Amino acid sequence: MSAPARFTQTDVTRAMKGARKAGFSAIRVVIEPGGNIVMEASEAPNEAITRRNPLDRVLKGVR
């Protein structure tokens, strides 16, 4: 049996809405395997915010 979730979708949505309300236009949310939510936010998109995970290509079948 799996452990219950440490957070809900509502928690993530609330955090993103808060970042937008604070004036950030680029928000990146990462959920770590241990269950931690990591958010990176900035006023303009940049390489650190818009970078993709190299495995996305493999998992989505994109070449």
N, C-alpha and C. Protein backbone atom coordinates (compact mmCIF):
# COMPACT_ATOMS: atom_id res chain seq x y z
N MET A 1 0.85 -1.16 0.00
CA MET A 1 0.00 0.00 0.00
C MET A 1 0.90 1.23 0.00
N SER A 2 0.49 2.25 -0.73
CA SER A 2 1.30 3.46 -0.82
C SER A 2 0.94 4.44 0.29
N ALA A 3 1.88 5.33 0.56
CA ALA A 3 1.66 6.35 1.60
C ALA A 3 0.73 7.43 1.07
N PRO A 4 -0.02 8.07 1.95
CA PRO A 4 -0.89 9.15 1.51
C PRO A 4 -0.07 10.34 0.99
N ALA A 5 -0.65 11.09 0.09
CA ALA A 5 0.04 12.24 -0.49
C ALA A 5 0.36 13.27 0.60
N ARG A 6 1.52 13.92 0.47
CA ARG A 6 1.92 14.95 1.43
C ARG A 6 1.27 16.29 1.12
N PHE A 7 0.74 16.43 -0.07
CA PHE A 7 0.11 17.67 -0.49
C PHE A 7 -0.96 17.33 -1.50
N THR A 8 -1.81 18.29 -1.79
CA THR A 8 -2.88 18.08 -2.76
C THR A 8 -2.67 18.98 -3.98
N GLN A 9 -3.44 18.75 -5.00
CA GLN A 9 -3.39 19.60 -6.18
C GLN A 9 -3.77 21.02 -5.79
N THR A 10 -4.67 21.15 -4.84
CA THR A 10 -5.07 22.47 -4.36
C THR A 10 -3.88 23.21 -3.75
N ASP A 11 -3.01 22.51 -3.03
CA ASP A 11 -1.82 23.14 -2.45
C ASP A 11 -0.92 23.72 -3.55
N VAL A 12 -0.72 22.95 -4.61
CA VAL A 12 0.13 23.40 -5.71
C VAL A 12 -0.52 24.58 -6.42
N THR A 13 -1.81 24.49 -6.67
CA THR A 13 -2.53 25.59 -7.33
C THR A 13 -2.47 26.86 -6.49
N ARG A 14 -2.66 26.73 -5.20
CA ARG A 14 -2.61 27.88 -4.30
C ARG A 14 -1.23 28.54 -4.33
N ALA A 15 -0.18 27.73 -4.34
CA ALA A 15 1.18 28.27 -4.37
C ALA A 15 1.45 29.01 -5.68
N MET A 16 0.98 28.44 -6.80
CA MET A 16 1.18 29.09 -8.10
C MET A 16 0.39 30.39 -8.20
N LYS A 17 -0.84 30.38 -7.72
CA LYS A 17 -1.65 31.61 -7.73
C LYS A 17 -1.00 32.69 -6.86
N GLY A 18 -0.43 32.29 -5.74
CA GLY A 18 0.26 33.24 -4.87
C GLY A 18 1.47 33.86 -5.54
N ALA A 19 2.22 33.05 -6.28
CA ALA A 19 3.39 33.56 -7.00
C ALA A 19 2.96 34.53 -8.10
N ARG A 20 1.89 34.19 -8.81
CA ARG A 20 1.39 35.10 -9.85
C ARG A 20 0.89 36.40 -9.24
N LYS A 21 0.19 36.30 -8.12
CA LYS A 21 -0.33 37.49 -7.45
C LYS A 21 0.82 38.37 -6.96
N ALA A 22 1.96 37.75 -6.62
CA ALA A 22 3.13 38.50 -6.18
C ALA A 22 3.88 39.16 -7.33
N GLY A 23 3.43 38.90 -8.59
CA GLY A 23 4.02 39.56 -9.73
C GLY A 23 4.95 38.72 -10.58
N PHE A 24 5.07 37.45 -10.26
CA PHE A 24 5.94 36.58 -11.06
C PHE A 24 5.17 36.05 -12.26
N SER A 25 5.77 36.13 -13.43
CA SER A 25 5.08 35.67 -14.64
C SER A 25 5.57 34.29 -15.09
N ALA A 26 6.77 33.91 -14.69
CA ALA A 26 7.32 32.60 -15.05
C ALA A 26 7.46 31.78 -13.78
N ILE A 27 6.74 30.68 -13.73
CA ILE A 27 6.75 29.84 -12.54
C ILE A 27 7.01 28.40 -12.98
N ARG A 28 7.92 27.77 -12.29
CA ARG A 28 8.25 26.37 -12.56
C ARG A 28 8.07 25.60 -11.27
N VAL A 29 7.30 24.52 -11.32
CA VAL A 29 7.05 23.71 -10.14
C VAL A 29 7.64 22.33 -10.37
N VAL A 30 8.42 21.86 -9.41
CA VAL A 30 9.02 20.53 -9.47
C VAL A 30 8.58 19.78 -8.22
N ILE A 31 8.10 18.57 -8.42
CA ILE A 31 7.74 17.73 -7.28
C ILE A 31 8.81 16.65 -7.19
N GLU A 32 9.57 16.70 -6.12
CA GLU A 32 10.69 15.77 -5.95
C GLU A 32 10.18 14.39 -5.54
N PRO A 33 10.98 13.35 -5.77
CA PRO A 33 10.55 12.00 -5.41
C PRO A 33 10.19 11.84 -3.93
N GLY A 34 10.82 12.63 -3.06
CA GLY A 34 10.52 12.56 -1.63
C GLY A 34 9.23 13.26 -1.25
N GLY A 35 8.60 13.95 -2.22
CA GLY A 35 7.34 14.61 -1.96
C GLY A 35 7.44 16.10 -1.72
N ASN A 36 8.63 16.66 -1.80
CA ASN A 36 8.78 18.10 -1.61
C ASN A 36 8.37 18.85 -2.87
N ILE A 37 7.76 20.01 -2.68
CA ILE A 37 7.41 20.88 -3.79
C ILE A 37 8.46 21.97 -3.87
N VAL A 38 9.08 22.13 -5.04
CA VAL A 38 10.08 23.17 -5.25
C VAL A 38 9.55 24.10 -6.33
N MET A 39 9.50 25.40 -6.03
CA MET A 39 9.03 26.38 -7.01
C MET A 39 10.16 27.34 -7.34
N GLU A 40 10.31 27.62 -8.64
CA GLU A 40 11.21 28.65 -9.11
C GLU A 40 10.34 29.68 -9.80
N ALA A 41 10.51 30.94 -9.44
CA ALA A 41 9.69 31.98 -10.05
C ALA A 41 10.55 33.17 -10.42
N SER A 42 10.17 33.82 -11.53
CA SER A 42 10.87 35.03 -11.94
C SER A 42 9.88 35.92 -12.69
N GLU A 43 10.32 37.15 -12.94
CA GLU A 43 9.45 38.08 -13.64
C GLU A 43 9.44 37.85 -15.14
N ALA A 44 10.47 37.22 -15.67
CA ALA A 44 10.54 36.93 -17.11
C ALA A 44 11.13 35.55 -17.31
N PRO A 45 10.66 34.83 -18.32
CA PRO A 45 11.22 33.50 -18.58
C PRO A 45 12.72 33.58 -18.87
N ASN A 46 13.44 32.62 -18.37
CA ASN A 46 14.87 32.52 -18.68
C ASN A 46 15.24 31.05 -18.77
N GLU A 47 16.47 30.77 -19.06
CA GLU A 47 16.92 29.39 -19.25
C GLU A 47 16.67 28.53 -18.02
N ALA A 48 16.88 29.07 -16.84
CA ALA A 48 16.71 28.28 -15.62
C ALA A 48 15.25 27.88 -15.41
N ILE A 49 14.32 28.71 -15.80
CA ILE A 49 12.90 28.42 -15.60
C ILE A 49 12.35 27.57 -16.73
N THR A 50 12.77 27.80 -17.97
CA THR A 50 12.17 27.13 -19.11
C THR A 50 12.89 25.86 -19.54
N ARG A 51 13.97 25.48 -18.87
CA ARG A 51 14.69 24.29 -19.30
C ARG A 51 13.82 23.05 -19.13
N ARG A 52 14.07 22.09 -19.95
CA ARG A 52 13.31 20.85 -19.92
C ARG A 52 14.17 19.73 -19.36
N ASN A 53 13.50 18.78 -18.78
CA ASN A 53 14.17 17.59 -18.31
C ASN A 53 14.55 16.76 -19.53
N PRO A 54 15.81 16.32 -19.65
CA PRO A 54 16.21 15.56 -20.83
C PRO A 54 15.43 14.26 -21.02
N LEU A 55 14.87 13.73 -19.95
CA LEU A 55 14.10 12.50 -20.08
C LEU A 55 12.70 12.72 -20.62
N ASP A 56 12.23 13.96 -20.67
CA ASP A 56 10.91 14.24 -21.24
C ASP A 56 10.83 13.72 -22.67
N ARG A 57 11.90 13.91 -23.40
CA ARG A 57 11.95 13.48 -24.80
C ARG A 57 11.79 11.96 -24.88
N VAL A 58 12.46 11.24 -24.00
CA VAL A 58 12.41 9.79 -24.00
C VAL A 58 11.04 9.29 -23.57
N LEU A 59 10.52 9.86 -22.49
CA LEU A 59 9.25 9.39 -21.94
C LEU A 59 8.06 9.72 -22.84
N LYS A 60 8.15 10.81 -23.57
CA LYS A 60 7.05 11.21 -24.45
C LYS A 60 7.22 10.66 -25.86
N GLY A 61 8.33 9.97 -26.12
CA GLY A 61 8.57 9.40 -27.43
C GLY A 61 8.95 10.40 -28.49
N VAL A 62 9.38 11.59 -28.07
CA VAL A 62 9.79 12.64 -29.03
C VAL A 62 11.25 12.45 -29.35
N ARG A 63 11.61 12.62 -30.59
CA ARG A 63 13.02 12.46 -30.95
C ARG A 63 13.59 13.75 -31.42
